[in-house]
C-alpha cells in the first residue's frame, strides 16, 4: 500500500503551528501533516530516532523549518534519501 505524502512543520509557537496545520489541511486534503516544536525534535523526526523511530508515515516530502532552529546544519548536510523508508 502506498504511503501518503507527508509534510513536516517545525514551529515553536503552538498557535502558529495550529494555524499552519489548518491551512495545509484545507489546501492539501489527503496529505499527512506532522508538527514538531523545535529543531531537536525535527532532527529526531527526520532521522526516525527516539520517539519517532516507528512512525507510520514516510519521510517528509516538504519540511517547513523556522530559520532559527538549531538543527539547520544537519538538515542542509543530510542526504536526500535519509532516513531509509
N, C-alpha and C. Protein backbone atom coordinates (compact mmCIF):
# COMPACT_ATOMS: atom_id res chain seq x y z
N UNK A 1 0.84 -1.18 0.00
CA UNK A 1 0.00 0.00 0.00
C UNK A 1 0.89 1.25 0.00
N UNK A 2 0.59 2.20 -0.85
CA UNK A 2 1.38 3.42 -0.95
C UNK A 2 1.14 4.31 0.27
N UNK A 3 2.20 4.93 0.73
CA UNK A 3 2.07 5.85 1.86
C UNK A 3 1.65 7.21 1.36
N UNK A 4 0.95 7.93 2.23
CA UNK A 4 0.53 9.29 1.89
C UNK A 4 1.72 10.23 1.94
N UNK A 5 1.63 11.31 1.17
CA UNK A 5 2.64 12.35 1.22
C UNK A 5 2.63 12.97 2.61
N UNK A 6 3.82 13.27 3.11
CA UNK A 6 3.97 13.79 4.46
C UNK A 6 4.67 15.15 4.41
N UNK A 7 4.16 16.12 5.16
CA UNK A 7 4.78 17.43 5.31
C UNK A 7 5.15 17.59 6.78
N UNK A 8 6.38 18.03 7.02
CA UNK A 8 6.84 18.27 8.39
C UNK A 8 6.87 19.77 8.63
N UNK A 9 6.15 20.20 9.66
CA UNK A 9 6.12 21.61 10.07
C UNK A 9 6.93 21.73 11.36
N UNK A 10 7.92 22.62 11.35
CA UNK A 10 8.72 22.89 12.55
C UNK A 10 8.35 24.29 13.02
N UNK A 11 7.67 24.34 14.15
CA UNK A 11 7.17 25.64 14.64
C UNK A 11 7.12 25.59 16.16
N UNK A 12 7.77 26.56 16.81
CA UNK A 12 7.82 26.55 18.27
C UNK A 12 6.65 27.27 18.93
N UNK A 13 5.85 27.97 18.17
CA UNK A 13 4.66 28.63 18.71
C UNK A 13 3.44 27.74 18.44
N UNK A 14 2.83 27.16 19.48
CA UNK A 14 1.71 26.26 19.28
C UNK A 14 0.56 26.86 18.46
N UNK A 15 0.24 28.14 18.68
CA UNK A 15 -0.84 28.75 17.91
C UNK A 15 -0.50 28.87 16.43
N UNK A 16 0.75 29.24 16.14
CA UNK A 16 1.18 29.31 14.75
C UNK A 16 1.18 27.92 14.11
N UNK A 17 1.64 26.92 14.86
CA UNK A 17 1.63 25.55 14.35
C UNK A 17 0.22 25.11 14.01
N UNK A 18 -0.74 25.45 14.87
CA UNK A 18 -2.13 25.09 14.62
C UNK A 18 -2.65 25.78 13.36
N UNK A 19 -2.36 27.07 13.20
CA UNK A 19 -2.81 27.79 12.01
C UNK A 19 -2.20 27.21 10.73
N UNK A 20 -0.91 26.89 10.78
CA UNK A 20 -0.26 26.29 9.62
C UNK A 20 -0.88 24.94 9.31
N UNK A 21 -1.12 24.15 10.35
CA UNK A 21 -1.73 22.83 10.17
C UNK A 21 -3.11 22.96 9.51
N UNK A 22 -3.93 23.87 10.01
CA UNK A 22 -5.28 24.07 9.45
C UNK A 22 -5.20 24.51 7.99
N UNK A 23 -4.31 25.47 7.70
CA UNK A 23 -4.19 25.96 6.32
C UNK A 23 -3.73 24.86 5.37
N UNK A 24 -2.74 24.07 5.79
CA UNK A 24 -2.27 22.98 4.93
C UNK A 24 -3.34 21.91 4.76
N UNK A 25 -4.04 21.60 5.84
CA UNK A 25 -5.09 20.59 5.79
C UNK A 25 -6.21 20.99 4.82
N UNK A 26 -6.56 22.27 4.84
CA UNK A 26 -7.64 22.75 3.95
C UNK A 26 -7.19 22.81 2.50
N UNK A 27 -5.94 23.17 2.25
CA UNK A 27 -5.48 23.34 0.87
C UNK A 27 -4.91 22.06 0.27
N UNK A 28 -4.49 21.13 1.10
CA UNK A 28 -3.90 19.88 0.62
C UNK A 28 -4.57 18.68 1.28
N UNK A 29 -5.84 18.44 0.98
CA UNK A 29 -6.52 17.30 1.60
C UNK A 29 -5.84 15.98 1.22
N UNK A 30 -5.77 15.08 2.16
CA UNK A 30 -5.15 13.79 1.91
C UNK A 30 -3.66 13.75 2.21
N UNK A 31 -3.07 14.89 2.53
CA UNK A 31 -1.65 14.95 2.87
C UNK A 31 -1.52 14.83 4.38
N UNK A 32 -0.58 14.02 4.84
CA UNK A 32 -0.33 13.89 6.26
C UNK A 32 0.56 15.04 6.72
N UNK A 33 0.19 15.70 7.80
CA UNK A 33 0.94 16.84 8.31
C UNK A 33 1.45 16.50 9.70
N UNK A 34 2.76 16.53 9.85
CA UNK A 34 3.39 16.28 11.15
C UNK A 34 3.93 17.61 11.67
N UNK A 35 3.78 17.84 12.96
CA UNK A 35 4.25 19.08 13.57
C UNK A 35 5.20 18.73 14.71
N UNK A 36 6.37 19.38 14.71
CA UNK A 36 7.29 19.27 15.84
C UNK A 36 7.57 20.69 16.32
N UNK A 37 7.99 20.80 17.57
CA UNK A 37 8.08 22.12 18.20
C UNK A 37 9.46 22.75 18.25
N UNK A 38 10.50 22.02 17.82
CA UNK A 38 11.84 22.62 17.84
C UNK A 38 12.78 21.85 16.92
N UNK A 39 13.99 22.38 16.77
CA UNK A 39 14.96 21.79 15.87
C UNK A 39 15.42 20.41 16.29
N UNK A 40 15.53 20.18 17.60
CA UNK A 40 15.95 18.87 18.08
C UNK A 40 14.91 17.82 17.70
N UNK A 41 13.63 18.13 17.91
CA UNK A 41 12.57 17.20 17.50
C UNK A 41 12.57 17.00 15.99
N UNK A 42 12.86 18.06 15.24
CA UNK A 42 12.88 17.95 13.78
C UNK A 42 13.96 16.96 13.33
N UNK A 43 15.15 17.07 13.91
CA UNK A 43 16.23 16.15 13.56
C UNK A 43 15.86 14.73 13.96
N UNK A 44 15.30 14.54 15.16
CA UNK A 44 14.88 13.21 15.60
C UNK A 44 13.83 12.65 14.64
N UNK A 45 12.91 13.48 14.20
CA UNK A 45 11.88 13.04 13.27
C UNK A 45 12.50 12.64 11.93
N UNK A 46 13.37 13.50 11.40
CA UNK A 46 13.97 13.24 10.09
C UNK A 46 14.88 12.01 10.12
N UNK A 47 15.54 11.77 11.25
CA UNK A 47 16.40 10.60 11.38
C UNK A 47 15.61 9.37 11.82
N UNK A 48 14.32 9.54 12.12
CA UNK A 48 13.46 8.46 12.63
C UNK A 48 14.08 7.84 13.89
N UNK A 49 14.50 8.69 14.82
CA UNK A 49 15.11 8.21 16.05
C UNK A 49 14.26 8.60 17.25
N UNK A 50 14.62 8.04 18.37
CA UNK A 50 13.94 8.28 19.65
C UNK A 50 12.43 8.05 19.53
N UNK A 51 11.61 9.03 19.84
CA UNK A 51 10.17 8.82 19.86
C UNK A 51 9.58 8.66 18.46
N UNK A 52 10.36 8.93 17.42
CA UNK A 52 9.85 8.84 16.05
C UNK A 52 10.38 7.62 15.30
N UNK A 53 11.02 6.68 16.00
CA UNK A 53 11.63 5.56 15.31
C UNK A 53 10.62 4.65 14.61
N UNK A 54 9.39 4.61 15.07
CA UNK A 54 8.41 3.72 14.46
C UNK A 54 7.25 4.48 13.81
N UNK A 55 7.52 5.70 13.36
CA UNK A 55 6.45 6.48 12.76
C UNK A 55 5.88 5.73 11.57
N UNK A 56 4.59 5.86 11.37
CA UNK A 56 3.90 5.08 10.34
C UNK A 56 3.78 5.81 9.01
N UNK A 57 4.34 7.00 8.92
CA UNK A 57 4.28 7.75 7.66
C UNK A 57 5.68 7.84 7.06
N UNK A 58 5.74 8.12 5.78
CA UNK A 58 7.02 8.20 5.09
C UNK A 58 7.79 9.45 5.50
N UNK A 59 9.04 9.51 5.06
CA UNK A 59 9.82 10.72 5.28
C UNK A 59 9.12 11.89 4.61
N UNK A 60 9.22 13.07 5.19
CA UNK A 60 8.50 14.21 4.61
C UNK A 60 9.02 14.59 3.23
N UNK A 61 8.10 14.97 2.36
CA UNK A 61 8.45 15.49 1.04
C UNK A 61 8.70 16.99 1.10
N UNK A 62 8.21 17.61 2.16
CA UNK A 62 8.39 19.04 2.38
C UNK A 62 8.58 19.27 3.86
N UNK A 63 9.56 20.11 4.20
CA UNK A 63 9.81 20.47 5.58
C UNK A 63 9.78 21.99 5.67
N UNK A 64 8.99 22.52 6.58
CA UNK A 64 8.88 23.97 6.73
C UNK A 64 9.54 24.40 8.04
N UNK A 65 10.87 24.44 8.07
CA UNK A 65 11.54 24.80 9.33
C UNK A 65 11.57 26.29 9.57
N UNK A 66 11.59 26.65 10.82
CA UNK A 66 11.84 28.05 11.19
C UNK A 66 13.31 28.34 10.94
N UNK A 67 13.62 29.55 10.58
CA UNK A 67 15.00 29.90 10.29
C UNK A 67 15.90 29.81 11.52
N UNK A 68 15.31 29.94 12.70
CA UNK A 68 16.11 29.98 13.92
C UNK A 68 16.45 28.61 14.48
N UNK A 69 15.97 27.53 13.90
CA UNK A 69 16.18 26.23 14.53
C UNK A 69 17.66 25.88 14.53
N UNK A 70 18.07 25.25 15.60
CA UNK A 70 19.49 24.92 15.78
C UNK A 70 19.95 23.80 14.86
N UNK A 71 19.05 23.05 14.29
CA UNK A 71 19.39 21.87 13.50
C UNK A 71 19.65 22.18 12.04
N UNK A 72 19.65 23.44 11.64
CA UNK A 72 19.74 23.75 10.22
C UNK A 72 20.99 23.18 9.56
N UNK A 73 22.08 23.08 10.28
CA UNK A 73 23.29 22.50 9.71
C UNK A 73 23.11 21.04 9.35
N UNK A 74 22.45 20.30 10.23
CA UNK A 74 22.21 18.88 9.94
C UNK A 74 21.27 18.74 8.76
N UNK A 75 20.21 19.53 8.71
CA UNK A 75 19.24 19.42 7.63
C UNK A 75 19.92 19.69 6.29
N UNK A 76 20.77 20.69 6.22
CA UNK A 76 21.46 21.00 4.97
C UNK A 76 22.42 19.92 4.54
N UNK A 77 23.05 19.23 5.49
CA UNK A 77 24.05 18.23 5.14
C UNK A 77 23.48 16.82 5.00
N UNK A 78 22.24 16.61 5.39
CA UNK A 78 21.65 15.27 5.34
C UNK A 78 21.42 14.84 3.89
N UNK A 79 21.69 13.57 3.59
CA UNK A 79 21.40 13.10 2.24
C UNK A 79 19.89 13.11 1.99
N UNK A 80 19.52 13.30 0.73
CA UNK A 80 18.11 13.41 0.38
C UNK A 80 17.31 12.16 0.70
N UNK A 81 17.93 11.00 0.70
CA UNK A 81 17.19 9.76 0.96
C UNK A 81 17.26 9.32 2.41
N UNK A 82 17.74 10.17 3.30
CA UNK A 82 17.83 9.85 4.71
C UNK A 82 16.56 10.24 5.43
N UNK A 83 15.99 9.44 6.29
CA UNK A 83 16.31 8.06 6.57
C UNK A 83 15.70 7.13 5.54
N UNK A 84 16.16 5.92 5.53
CA UNK A 84 15.58 4.93 4.60
C UNK A 84 14.16 4.63 5.01
N UNK A 85 13.26 4.58 4.06
CA UNK A 85 11.86 4.28 4.37
C UNK A 85 11.45 2.99 3.72
